[in-house]
Amino acid sequence: MAFDEILAGLIRTLLVDEADVTEKRMFGGLAFLVAGHMAVAATSGGVMVRTAPSEANAPYFAHAEPMVMRGRELAGWLLLPAESVTDDDTLAAVVEHGRAFTRTLPAK
């Protein structure tokens, strides 16, 4: 399955001024890594975002589901369906959330 190129472009635009951001194709999508840690990804199903479980109740995560790969739930990851991040403000909040959380992780 291909990821949403338009969504990936929007995420890229939101992270353009962030230091130490790299892109990597993984999990069937395009991941955006901040300081070597995956923060957010454009996937075929929407936006995959890294978060602390305690922060999963943020308003922009209202339609999010736990990220599941090969039948296993990935702790600390949510999947937002593409239709739930159609407005710029929601996408910006989600990307910023993933970026900010990733910046709290130890350096690689």
C-alpha atoms as a PDB file:
ATOM      1  CA  MET A   1       0.000   0.000   0.000  1.00  0.00           C
ATOM      2  CA  ALA A   2       1.195   3.461  -0.826  1.00  0.00           C
ATOM      3  CA  PHE A   3       1.153   6.281   1.692  1.00  0.00           C
ATOM      4  CA  ASP A   4      -0.601   9.576   1.060  1.00  0.00           C
ATOM      5  CA  GLU A   5       1.968  11.775  -0.736  1.00  0.00           C
ATOM      6  CA  ILE A   6      -0.059  14.938  -0.155  1.00  0.00           C
ATOM      7  CA  LEU A   7      -0.282  14.246   3.571  1.00  0.00           C
ATOM      8  CA  ALA A   8       3.470  13.544   3.662  1.00  0.00           C
ATOM      9  CA  GLY A   9       4.093  16.876   1.931  1.00  0.00           C
ATOM     10  CA  LEU A  10       1.977  18.724   4.478  1.00  0.00           C
ATOM     11  CA  ILE A  11       3.857  17.079   7.349  1.00  0.00           C
ATOM     12  CA  ARG A  12       7.174  17.920   5.673  1.00  0.00           C
ATOM     13  CA  THR A  13       6.103  21.572   5.415  1.00  0.00           C
ATOM     14  CA  LEU A  14       5.253  21.656   9.126  1.00  0.00           C
ATOM     15  CA  LEU A  15       8.689  20.281  10.048  1.00  0.00           C
ATOM     16  CA  VAL A  16      10.783  22.240   7.549  1.00  0.00           C
ATOM     17  CA  ASP A  17      12.211  24.621  10.170  1.00  0.00           C
ATOM     18  CA  GLU A  18      12.876  21.891  12.746  1.00  0.00           C
ATOM     19  CA  ALA A  19      16.527  20.966  13.276  1.00  0.00           C
ATOM     20  CA  ASP A  20      17.687  17.382  12.743  1.00  0.00           C
ATOM     21  CA  VAL A  21      14.652  16.028  10.871  1.00  0.00           C
ATOM     22  CA  THR A  22      15.086  13.129   8.473  1.00  0.00           C
ATOM     23  CA  GLU A  23      12.650  11.154   6.384  1.00  0.00           C
ATOM     24  CA  LYS A  24      12.650   7.402   6.025  1.00  0.00           C
ATOM     25  CA  ARG A  25      10.337   4.992   4.262  1.00  0.00           C
ATOM     26  CA  MET A  26       9.169   2.460   6.796  1.00  0.00           C
ATOM     27  CA  PHE A  27       6.038   0.558   7.825  1.00  0.00           C
ATOM     28  CA  GLY A  28       4.567   1.161   4.375  1.00  0.00           C
ATOM     29  CA  GLY A  29       4.680   4.904   4.908  1.00  0.00           C
ATOM     30  CA  LEU A  30       6.992   7.862   5.137  1.00  0.00           C
ATOM     31  CA  ALA A  31       8.308   8.439   8.651  1.00  0.00           C
ATOM     32  CA  PHE A  32       9.667  11.723   9.936  1.00  0.00           C
ATOM     33  CA  LEU A  33      12.423  11.268  12.481  1.00  0.00           C
ATOM     34  CA  VAL A  34      13.449  13.991  14.894  1.00  0.00           C
ATOM     35  CA  ALA A  35      16.971  13.551  16.271  1.00  0.00           C
ATOM     36  CA  GLY A  36      16.856   9.934  15.131  1.00  0.00           C
ATOM     37  CA  HIS A  37      13.522   9.086  16.796  1.00  0.00           C
ATOM     38  CA  MET A  38      10.396   8.483  14.754  1.00  0.00           C
ATOM     39  CA  ALA A  39       7.909  11.235  15.632  1.00  0.00           C
ATOM     40  CA  VAL A  40       5.174  11.060  13.009  1.00  0.00           C
ATOM     41  CA  ALA A  41       4.480   9.221   9.767  1.00  0.00           C
ATOM     42  CA  ALA A  42       2.210   9.483   6.769  1.00  0.00           C
ATOM     43  CA  THR A  43       0.734   6.032   6.164  1.00  0.00           C
ATOM     44  CA  SER A  44      -1.873   4.570   3.873  1.00  0.00           C
ATOM     45  CA  GLY A  45      -4.316   4.742   6.802  1.00  0.00           C
ATOM     46  CA  GLY A  46      -3.623   8.295   7.951  1.00  0.00           C
ATOM     47  CA  VAL A  47      -1.151   9.774  10.412  1.00  0.00           C
ATOM     48  CA  MET A  48       0.833   7.688  12.871  1.00  0.00           C
ATOM     49  CA  VAL A  49       2.021   9.787  15.819  1.00  0.00           C
ATOM     50  CA  ARG A  50       4.181   9.134  18.843  1.00  0.00           C
ATOM     51  CA  THR A  51       2.776  10.069  22.230  1.00  0.00           C
ATOM     52  CA  ALA A  52       2.881   9.277  25.905  1.00  0.00           C
ATOM     53  CA  PRO A  53      -0.118   7.121  26.868  1.00  0.00           C
ATOM     54  CA  SER A  54      -1.100   9.783  29.414  1.00  0.00           C
ATOM     55  CA  GLU A  55      -1.429  12.363  26.616  1.00  0.00           C
ATOM     56  CA  ALA A  56      -3.648  10.300  24.329  1.00  0.00           C
ATOM     57  CA  ASN A  57      -6.752  12.210  25.446  1.00  0.00           C
ATOM     58  CA  ALA A  58      -5.744  15.483  23.756  1.00  0.00           C
ATOM     59  CA  PRO A  59      -8.652  16.964  21.759  1.00  0.00           C
ATOM     60  CA  TYR A  60      -6.957  16.414  18.393  1.00  0.00           C
ATOM     61  CA  PHE A  61      -6.756  12.681  19.192  1.00  0.00           C
ATOM     62  CA  ALA A  62     -10.554  12.350  19.449  1.00  0.00           C
ATOM     63  CA  HIS A  63     -10.695   9.984  16.453  1.00  0.00           C
ATOM     64  CA  ALA A  64      -7.375   8.240  17.068  1.00  0.00           C
ATOM     65  CA  GLU A  65      -6.974   4.534  17.598  1.00  0.00           C
ATOM     66  CA  PRO A  66      -4.060   2.623  19.053  1.00  0.00           C
ATOM     67  CA  MET A  67      -1.575   1.747  16.318  1.00  0.00           C
ATOM     68  CA  VAL A  68      -1.670  -1.986  15.567  1.00  0.00           C
ATOM     69  CA  MET A  69       0.929  -3.781  13.464  1.00  0.00           C
ATOM     70  CA  ARG A  70       0.759  -7.481  12.702  1.00  0.00           C
ATOM     71  CA  GLY A  71      -1.932  -7.906  15.314  1.00  0.00           C
ATOM     72  CA  ARG A  72       0.028  -6.216  18.104  1.00  0.00           C
ATOM     73  CA  GLU A  73      -0.746  -2.841  19.626  1.00  0.00           C
ATOM     74  CA  LEU A  74       2.236  -0.487  19.652  1.00  0.00           C
ATOM     75  CA  ALA A  75       2.500   1.273  22.998  1.00  0.00           C
ATOM     76  CA  GLY A  76       3.012   5.004  22.659  1.00  0.00           C
ATOM     77  CA  TRP A  77       1.670   5.213  19.106  1.00  0.00           C
ATOM     78  CA  LEU A  78      -1.692   6.353  17.766  1.00  0.00           C
ATOM     79  CA  LEU A  79      -3.178   6.224  14.294  1.00  0.00           C
ATOM     80  CA  LEU A  80      -5.401   9.056  13.173  1.00  0.00           C
ATOM     81  CA  PRO A  81      -7.487   8.263  10.112  1.00  0.00           C
ATOM     82  CA  ALA A  82      -6.759  10.629   7.224  1.00  0.00           C
ATOM     83  CA  GLU A  83     -10.299  12.023   7.348  1.00  0.00           C
ATOM     84  CA  SER A  84      -9.739  13.172  10.944  1.00  0.00           C
ATOM     85  CA  VAL A  85      -6.772  15.403  10.045  1.00  0.00           C
ATOM     86  CA  THR A  86      -8.209  17.246   7.077  1.00  0.00           C
ATOM     87  CA  ASP A  87      -7.878  20.744   8.514  1.00  0.00           C
ATOM     88  CA  ASP A  88      -4.505  22.465   8.834  1.00  0.00           C
ATOM     89  CA  ASP A  89      -4.856  23.265  12.542  1.00  0.00           C
ATOM     90  CA  THR A  90      -5.510  19.659  13.541  1.00  0.00           C
ATOM     91  CA  LEU A  91      -2.636  18.334  11.447  1.00  0.00           C
ATOM     92  CA  ALA A  92      -0.307  21.013  12.829  1.00  0.00           C
ATOM     93  CA  ALA A  93      -1.294  20.113  16.412  1.00  0.00           C
ATOM     94  CA  VAL A  94      -0.735  16.403  15.809  1.00  0.00           C
ATOM     95  CA  VAL A  95       2.657  16.923  14.144  1.00  0.00           C
ATOM     96  CA  GLU A  96       3.734  19.329  16.887  1.00  0.00           C
ATOM     97  CA  HIS A  97       2.655  16.820  19.513  1.00  0.00           C
ATOM     98  CA  GLY A  98       4.775  14.072  17.963  1.00  0.00           C
ATOM     99  CA  ARG A  99       7.719  16.442  17.512  1.00  0.00           C
ATOM    100  CA  ALA A 100       7.564  17.735  21.078  1.00  0.00           C
ATOM    101  CA  PHE A 101       7.218  14.284  22.602  1.00  0.00           C
ATOM    102  CA  THR A 102      10.129  12.950  20.568  1.00  0.00           C
ATOM    103  CA  ARG A 103      12.327  15.819  21.742  1.00  0.00           C
ATOM    104  CA  THR A 104      11.885  14.541  25.315  1.00  0.00           C
ATOM    105  CA  LEU A 105      13.512  11.200  24.484  1.00  0.00           C
ATOM    106  CA  PRO A 106      17.189  10.509  25.187  1.00  0.00           C
ATOM    107  CA  ALA A 107      19.552  11.252  22.320  1.00  0.00           C
ATOM    108  CA  LYS A 108      20.420   8.402  19.998  1.00  0.00           C
END
